[in-house]
């Protein structure tokens, strides 16, 4: 599992971890049944407090993407695509798009960003 933390990113560190793991799931790099590394290992690898990673894992569990079994680790239980929580997903997309609008991007620039990210996810998933 390869994710990074960017201190210049405006998102909290736990959110960067959550989003990084979600991206790995979306690209198919972490499939259903895949085990996630232990919290301590991820914290050490990223140079962050282990509570940050534990919180990120709990957030992923709340979203129904992983299952945490104390002593046995965390396992991917769901894919991002095809979720029955469509309204929640739409709210997240709306929030992301709102951030881009507030950052001053034009509609064309936003569409280009969305197009590029979607293509990278689709291309990575087919590997």
N, C-alpha and C. Protein backbone atom coordinates (compact mmCIF):
# COMPACT_ATOMS: atom_id res chain seq x y z
N UNK A 1 0.86 -1.17 0.00
CA UNK A 1 0.00 0.00 0.00
C UNK A 1 0.91 1.23 0.00
N UNK A 2 0.65 2.12 -0.95
CA UNK A 2 1.49 3.31 -1.06
C UNK A 2 0.62 4.55 -1.07
N UNK A 3 0.70 5.32 0.01
CA UNK A 3 0.04 6.62 0.10
C UNK A 3 1.06 7.60 0.65
N UNK A 4 0.79 8.89 0.45
CA UNK A 4 1.70 9.91 0.95
C UNK A 4 0.92 10.97 1.70
N UNK A 5 1.63 11.68 2.55
CA UNK A 5 1.08 12.82 3.28
C UNK A 5 1.79 14.06 2.77
N UNK A 6 1.00 15.09 2.44
CA UNK A 6 1.55 16.35 1.96
C UNK A 6 1.23 17.43 2.99
N UNK A 7 2.25 17.93 3.66
CA UNK A 7 2.03 18.94 4.69
C UNK A 7 1.50 20.25 4.14
N UNK A 8 1.65 20.47 2.83
CA UNK A 8 1.13 21.68 2.19
C UNK A 8 -0.35 21.55 1.84
N UNK A 9 -0.85 20.33 1.87
CA UNK A 9 -2.26 20.06 1.57
C UNK A 9 -3.12 20.64 2.68
N UNK A 10 -4.22 21.24 2.33
CA UNK A 10 -5.10 21.85 3.33
C UNK A 10 -5.92 20.84 4.12
N UNK A 11 -5.97 19.60 3.64
CA UNK A 11 -6.75 18.58 4.34
C UNK A 11 -5.99 18.07 5.56
N UNK A 12 -6.73 17.70 6.61
CA UNK A 12 -6.06 17.09 7.76
C UNK A 12 -5.35 15.80 7.34
N UNK A 13 -4.35 15.41 8.10
CA UNK A 13 -3.58 14.21 7.74
C UNK A 13 -4.45 12.96 7.67
N UNK A 14 -5.37 12.80 8.65
CA UNK A 14 -6.21 11.61 8.63
C UNK A 14 -7.04 11.56 7.35
N UNK A 15 -7.50 12.72 6.87
CA UNK A 15 -8.32 12.78 5.66
C UNK A 15 -7.47 12.40 4.45
N UNK A 16 -6.21 12.81 4.44
CA UNK A 16 -5.32 12.43 3.34
C UNK A 16 -5.13 10.92 3.32
N UNK A 17 -5.03 10.31 4.50
CA UNK A 17 -4.90 8.85 4.57
C UNK A 17 -6.19 8.18 4.08
N UNK A 18 -7.33 8.67 4.55
CA UNK A 18 -8.62 8.12 4.11
C UNK A 18 -8.75 8.22 2.60
N UNK A 19 -8.49 9.40 2.07
CA UNK A 19 -8.62 9.61 0.62
C UNK A 19 -7.63 8.76 -0.17
N UNK A 20 -6.42 8.60 0.37
CA UNK A 20 -5.41 7.78 -0.30
C UNK A 20 -5.83 6.32 -0.37
N UNK A 21 -6.37 5.80 0.72
CA UNK A 21 -6.83 4.41 0.74
C UNK A 21 -8.04 4.24 -0.17
N UNK A 22 -8.94 5.21 -0.16
CA UNK A 22 -10.10 5.15 -1.06
C UNK A 22 -9.65 5.09 -2.52
N UNK A 23 -8.64 5.88 -2.84
CA UNK A 23 -8.14 5.89 -4.21
C UNK A 23 -7.55 4.53 -4.58
N UNK A 24 -6.83 3.92 -3.65
CA UNK A 24 -6.28 2.58 -3.90
C UNK A 24 -7.39 1.55 -4.13
N UNK A 25 -8.47 1.69 -3.38
CA UNK A 25 -9.62 0.79 -3.56
C UNK A 25 -10.26 1.05 -4.92
N UNK A 26 -10.46 2.32 -5.25
CA UNK A 26 -11.10 2.69 -6.52
C UNK A 26 -10.29 2.19 -7.72
N UNK A 27 -8.96 2.24 -7.60
CA UNK A 27 -8.10 1.80 -8.70
C UNK A 27 -7.95 0.29 -8.76
N UNK A 28 -8.47 -0.40 -7.76
CA UNK A 28 -8.36 -1.85 -7.73
C UNK A 28 -7.07 -2.37 -7.13
N UNK A 29 -6.24 -1.49 -6.59
CA UNK A 29 -4.99 -1.92 -5.97
C UNK A 29 -5.25 -2.59 -4.62
N UNK A 30 -6.36 -2.23 -3.99
CA UNK A 30 -6.80 -2.90 -2.77
C UNK A 30 -8.19 -3.46 -3.06
N UNK A 31 -8.25 -4.74 -3.32
CA UNK A 31 -9.54 -5.38 -3.63
C UNK A 31 -10.22 -5.88 -2.38
N UNK A 32 -11.45 -6.30 -2.57
CA UNK A 32 -12.22 -6.84 -1.46
C UNK A 32 -11.45 -8.02 -0.85
N UNK A 33 -11.33 -8.01 0.46
CA UNK A 33 -10.59 -9.06 1.17
C UNK A 33 -9.13 -8.73 1.42
N UNK A 34 -8.64 -7.67 0.80
CA UNK A 34 -7.24 -7.27 1.00
C UNK A 34 -7.05 -6.74 2.42
N UNK A 35 -5.96 -7.14 3.04
CA UNK A 35 -5.65 -6.65 4.37
C UNK A 35 -4.89 -5.34 4.29
N UNK A 36 -5.19 -4.45 5.22
CA UNK A 36 -4.45 -3.19 5.32
C UNK A 36 -3.30 -3.40 6.30
N UNK A 37 -2.21 -2.68 6.10
CA UNK A 37 -1.09 -2.80 7.05
C UNK A 37 -1.52 -2.36 8.45
N UNK A 38 -0.84 -2.87 9.47
CA UNK A 38 -1.16 -2.45 10.84
C UNK A 38 -1.01 -0.94 11.03
N UNK A 39 -1.80 -0.39 11.92
CA UNK A 39 -1.79 1.04 12.21
C UNK A 39 -0.38 1.53 12.53
N UNK A 40 0.33 0.80 13.37
CA UNK A 40 1.68 1.21 13.77
C UNK A 40 2.62 1.28 12.57
N UNK A 41 2.49 0.32 11.67
CA UNK A 41 3.37 0.31 10.49
C UNK A 41 3.10 1.50 9.59
N UNK A 42 1.81 1.79 9.33
CA UNK A 42 1.46 2.92 8.47
C UNK A 42 1.92 4.22 9.12
N UNK A 43 1.70 4.35 10.42
CA UNK A 43 2.12 5.57 11.13
C UNK A 43 3.63 5.75 11.02
N UNK A 44 4.37 4.68 11.20
CA UNK A 44 5.84 4.77 11.10
C UNK A 44 6.27 5.11 9.68
N UNK A 45 5.64 4.46 8.69
CA UNK A 45 5.99 4.70 7.30
C UNK A 45 5.74 6.15 6.88
N UNK A 46 4.63 6.72 7.38
CA UNK A 46 4.26 8.09 7.00
C UNK A 46 4.82 9.14 7.95
N UNK A 47 5.35 8.71 9.08
CA UNK A 47 5.90 9.66 10.05
C UNK A 47 4.84 10.47 10.76
N UNK A 48 3.70 9.82 11.05
CA UNK A 48 2.62 10.51 11.76
C UNK A 48 2.26 9.73 13.02
N UNK A 49 1.49 10.35 13.88
CA UNK A 49 1.04 9.73 15.10
C UNK A 49 0.14 8.54 14.78
N UNK A 50 0.27 7.45 15.53
CA UNK A 50 -0.55 6.27 15.24
C UNK A 50 -2.03 6.53 15.45
N UNK A 51 -2.39 7.50 16.32
CA UNK A 51 -3.80 7.84 16.50
C UNK A 51 -4.41 8.43 15.23
N UNK A 52 -3.58 9.11 14.43
CA UNK A 52 -4.05 9.66 13.15
C UNK A 52 -4.47 8.54 12.23
N UNK A 53 -3.67 7.49 12.16
CA UNK A 53 -3.98 6.36 11.29
C UNK A 53 -5.16 5.58 11.84
N UNK A 54 -5.20 5.38 13.15
CA UNK A 54 -6.33 4.68 13.77
C UNK A 54 -7.63 5.41 13.48
N UNK A 55 -7.61 6.74 13.56
CA UNK A 55 -8.80 7.53 13.27
C UNK A 55 -9.20 7.38 11.80
N UNK A 56 -8.22 7.38 10.91
CA UNK A 56 -8.50 7.21 9.47
C UNK A 56 -9.14 5.85 9.22
N UNK A 57 -8.61 4.81 9.84
CA UNK A 57 -9.18 3.47 9.68
C UNK A 57 -10.62 3.43 10.20
N UNK A 58 -10.88 4.08 11.33
CA UNK A 58 -12.26 4.12 11.86
C UNK A 58 -13.20 4.85 10.90
N UNK A 59 -12.70 5.92 10.28
CA UNK A 59 -13.52 6.66 9.30
C UNK A 59 -13.85 5.75 8.11
N UNK A 60 -12.87 5.00 7.64
CA UNK A 60 -13.11 4.08 6.52
C UNK A 60 -14.10 2.99 6.92
N UNK A 61 -14.04 2.57 8.17
CA UNK A 61 -15.00 1.58 8.64
C UNK A 61 -16.41 2.16 8.70
N UNK A 62 -16.52 3.41 9.18
CA UNK A 62 -17.83 4.07 9.22
C UNK A 62 -18.45 4.18 7.82
N UNK A 63 -17.59 4.38 6.83
CA UNK A 63 -18.05 4.52 5.44
C UNK A 63 -18.32 3.17 4.79
N UNK A 64 -18.06 2.09 5.52
CA UNK A 64 -18.36 0.76 5.02
C UNK A 64 -17.34 0.20 4.04
N UNK A 65 -16.15 0.77 4.03
CA UNK A 65 -15.13 0.31 3.09
C UNK A 65 -14.19 -0.73 3.68
N UNK A 66 -13.99 -0.69 4.99
CA UNK A 66 -13.14 -1.69 5.63
C UNK A 66 -13.83 -2.21 6.88
N UNK A 67 -13.35 -3.35 7.35
CA UNK A 67 -13.81 -3.90 8.62
C UNK A 67 -12.59 -4.06 9.50
N UNK A 68 -12.68 -3.53 10.72
CA UNK A 68 -11.58 -3.61 11.66
C UNK A 68 -11.89 -4.73 12.66
N UNK A 69 -10.95 -5.66 12.76
CA UNK A 69 -11.07 -6.73 13.74
C UNK A 69 -9.86 -6.59 14.67
N UNK A 70 -10.13 -6.18 15.89
CA UNK A 70 -9.04 -5.92 16.84
C UNK A 70 -8.21 -7.19 17.01
N UNK A 71 -6.92 -7.01 16.84
CA UNK A 71 -5.99 -8.12 16.94
C UNK A 71 -5.75 -8.82 15.62
N UNK A 72 -6.67 -8.66 14.66
CA UNK A 72 -6.54 -9.33 13.36
C UNK A 72 -6.32 -8.35 12.23
N UNK A 73 -6.45 -7.06 12.50
CA UNK A 73 -6.21 -6.05 11.48
C UNK A 73 -7.46 -5.59 10.76
N UNK A 74 -7.24 -4.83 9.70
CA UNK A 74 -8.32 -4.26 8.91
C UNK A 74 -8.33 -4.88 7.52
N UNK A 75 -9.54 -5.12 7.00
CA UNK A 75 -9.71 -5.77 5.71
C UNK A 75 -10.69 -4.96 4.87
N UNK A 76 -10.41 -4.82 3.57
CA UNK A 76 -11.31 -4.14 2.65
C UNK A 76 -12.56 -5.01 2.47
N UNK A 77 -13.73 -4.41 2.65
CA UNK A 77 -14.98 -5.16 2.52
C UNK A 77 -15.88 -4.65 1.41
N UNK A 78 -15.55 -3.51 0.83
CA UNK A 78 -16.43 -2.93 -0.17
C UNK A 78 -15.63 -2.13 -1.17
N UNK A 79 -16.16 -2.05 -2.37
CA UNK A 79 -15.59 -1.20 -3.40
C UNK A 79 -16.29 0.14 -3.37
N UNK A 80 -15.61 1.18 -3.83
CA UNK A 80 -16.20 2.51 -3.84
C UNK A 80 -17.34 2.58 -4.85
N UNK A 81 -17.17 1.93 -6.00
CA UNK A 81 -18.18 2.02 -7.04
C UNK A 81 -19.39 1.17 -6.69
N UNK A 82 -20.55 1.61 -7.17
CA UNK A 82 -21.77 0.84 -7.00
C UNK A 82 -22.32 0.83 -5.59
N UNK A 83 -21.96 1.76 -4.76
CA UNK A 83 -22.45 1.78 -3.40
C UNK A 83 -23.90 2.22 -3.37
N UNK A 84 -24.62 1.73 -2.39
CA UNK A 84 -26.02 2.10 -2.24
C UNK A 84 -26.18 3.44 -1.53
N UNK A 85 -25.10 4.06 -1.15
CA UNK A 85 -25.15 5.34 -0.45
C UNK A 85 -24.94 6.49 -1.45
N UNK A 86 -25.71 6.44 -2.52
CA UNK A 86 -25.54 7.40 -3.61
C UNK A 86 -25.66 8.85 -3.15
N UNK A 87 -26.58 9.13 -2.29
CA UNK A 87 -26.74 10.51 -1.82
C UNK A 87 -25.49 11.00 -1.11
N UNK A 88 -24.88 10.17 -0.30
CA UNK A 88 -23.67 10.56 0.41
C UNK A 88 -22.53 10.79 -0.57
N UNK A 89 -22.45 9.97 -1.59
CA UNK A 89 -21.42 10.13 -2.60
C UNK A 89 -21.61 11.44 -3.36
N UNK A 90 -22.86 11.76 -3.69
CA UNK A 90 -23.14 13.01 -4.40
C UNK A 90 -22.74 14.21 -3.54
N UNK A 91 -22.98 14.11 -2.24
CA UNK A 91 -22.61 15.22 -1.35
C UNK A 91 -21.10 15.42 -1.34
N UNK A 92 -20.35 14.33 -1.39
CA UNK A 92 -18.89 14.44 -1.40
C UNK A 92 -18.40 15.06 -2.71
N UNK A 93 -19.00 14.68 -3.81
CA UNK A 93 -18.63 15.26 -5.10
C UNK A 93 -18.96 16.75 -5.10
N UNK A 94 -20.14 17.08 -4.61
CA UNK A 94 -20.55 18.49 -4.54
C UNK A 94 -19.56 19.29 -3.70
N UNK A 95 -19.13 18.73 -2.56
CA UNK A 95 -18.17 19.43 -1.70
C UNK A 95 -16.83 19.63 -2.41
N UNK A 96 -16.38 18.61 -3.12
CA UNK A 96 -15.11 18.72 -3.85
C UNK A 96 -15.21 19.77 -4.95
N UNK A 97 -16.31 19.76 -5.68
CA UNK A 97 -16.50 20.73 -6.75
C UNK A 97 -16.63 22.15 -6.19
N UNK A 98 -17.29 22.27 -5.05
CA UNK A 98 -17.41 23.57 -4.41
C UNK A 98 -16.03 24.12 -4.04
N UNK A 99 -15.16 23.25 -3.53
CA UNK A 99 -13.80 23.67 -3.20
C UNK A 99 -13.08 24.20 -4.45
N UNK A 100 -13.28 23.53 -5.58
CA UNK A 100 -12.63 23.97 -6.82
C UNK A 100 -13.16 25.32 -7.29
N UNK A 101 -14.48 25.51 -7.17
CA UNK A 101 -15.08 26.79 -7.55
C UNK A 101 -14.53 27.90 -6.65
N UNK A 102 -14.47 27.63 -5.34
CA UNK A 102 -13.97 28.63 -4.40
C UNK A 102 -12.49 28.91 -4.60
N UNK A 103 -11.77 27.94 -5.18
CA UNK A 103 -10.35 28.14 -5.47
C UNK A 103 -10.15 28.99 -6.73
N UNK A 104 -11.26 29.33 -7.40
CA UNK A 104 -11.18 30.22 -8.55
C UNK A 104 -11.09 29.53 -9.90
N UNK A 105 -11.27 28.21 -9.95
CA UNK A 105 -11.21 27.52 -11.23
C UNK A 105 -12.49 27.77 -12.03
N UNK A 106 -12.32 27.88 -13.33
CA UNK A 106 -13.48 28.04 -14.21
C UNK A 106 -14.15 26.69 -14.42
N UNK A 107 -15.34 26.71 -14.99
CA UNK A 107 -16.06 25.46 -15.28
C UNK A 107 -15.22 24.56 -16.19
N UNK A 108 -14.59 25.14 -17.18
CA UNK A 108 -13.76 24.36 -18.11
C UNK A 108 -12.57 23.74 -17.38
N UNK A 109 -11.96 24.50 -16.48
CA UNK A 109 -10.82 23.98 -15.72
C UNK A 109 -11.25 22.85 -14.79
N UNK A 110 -12.41 23.02 -14.17
CA UNK A 110 -12.93 21.98 -13.28
C UNK A 110 -13.23 20.71 -14.07
N UNK A 111 -13.86 20.87 -15.22
CA UNK A 111 -14.16 19.70 -16.05
C UNK A 111 -12.88 18.99 -16.49
N UNK A 112 -11.85 19.77 -16.79
CA UNK A 112 -10.57 19.17 -17.18
C UNK A 112 -9.97 18.38 -16.02
N UNK A 113 -10.03 18.94 -14.81
CA UNK A 113 -9.52 18.25 -13.63
C UNK A 113 -10.28 16.94 -13.42
N UNK A 114 -11.61 17.02 -13.45
CA UNK A 114 -12.44 15.83 -13.26
C UNK A 114 -12.13 14.79 -14.33
N UNK A 115 -12.03 15.22 -15.56
CA UNK A 115 -11.73 14.32 -16.68
C UNK A 115 -10.38 13.63 -16.47
N UNK A 116 -9.35 14.39 -16.10
CA UNK A 116 -8.02 13.83 -15.89
C UNK A 116 -7.99 12.82 -14.74
N UNK A 117 -8.63 13.17 -13.63
CA UNK A 117 -8.63 12.27 -12.48
C UNK A 117 -9.41 11.00 -12.80
N UNK A 118 -10.56 11.16 -13.44
CA UNK A 118 -11.35 9.99 -13.79
C UNK A 118 -10.60 9.07 -14.75
N UNK A 119 -9.92 9.66 -15.71
CA UNK A 119 -9.12 8.86 -16.64
C UNK A 119 -7.99 8.13 -15.91
N UNK A 120 -7.34 8.81 -14.97
CA UNK A 120 -6.23 8.15 -14.26
C UNK A 120 -6.76 7.00 -13.41
N UNK A 121 -7.92 7.17 -12.81
CA UNK A 121 -8.50 6.08 -12.03
C UNK A 121 -8.90 4.92 -12.93
N UNK A 122 -9.50 5.22 -14.07
CA UNK A 122 -9.92 4.17 -15.01
C UNK A 122 -8.73 3.44 -15.59
N UNK A 123 -7.69 4.18 -15.98
CA UNK A 123 -6.51 3.56 -16.55
C UNK A 123 -5.77 2.71 -15.53
N UNK A 124 -5.65 3.21 -14.30
CA UNK A 124 -4.95 2.46 -13.25
C UNK A 124 -5.71 1.19 -12.90
N UNK A 125 -7.04 1.25 -12.95
CA UNK A 125 -7.88 0.10 -12.57
C UNK A 125 -7.73 -1.04 -13.57
N UNK A 126 -7.39 -0.73 -14.82
CA UNK A 126 -7.31 -1.74 -15.87
C UNK A 126 -5.96 -2.45 -15.92
N UNK A 127 -5.03 -2.02 -15.12
CA UNK A 127 -3.69 -2.62 -15.14
C UNK A 127 -3.73 -4.05 -14.70
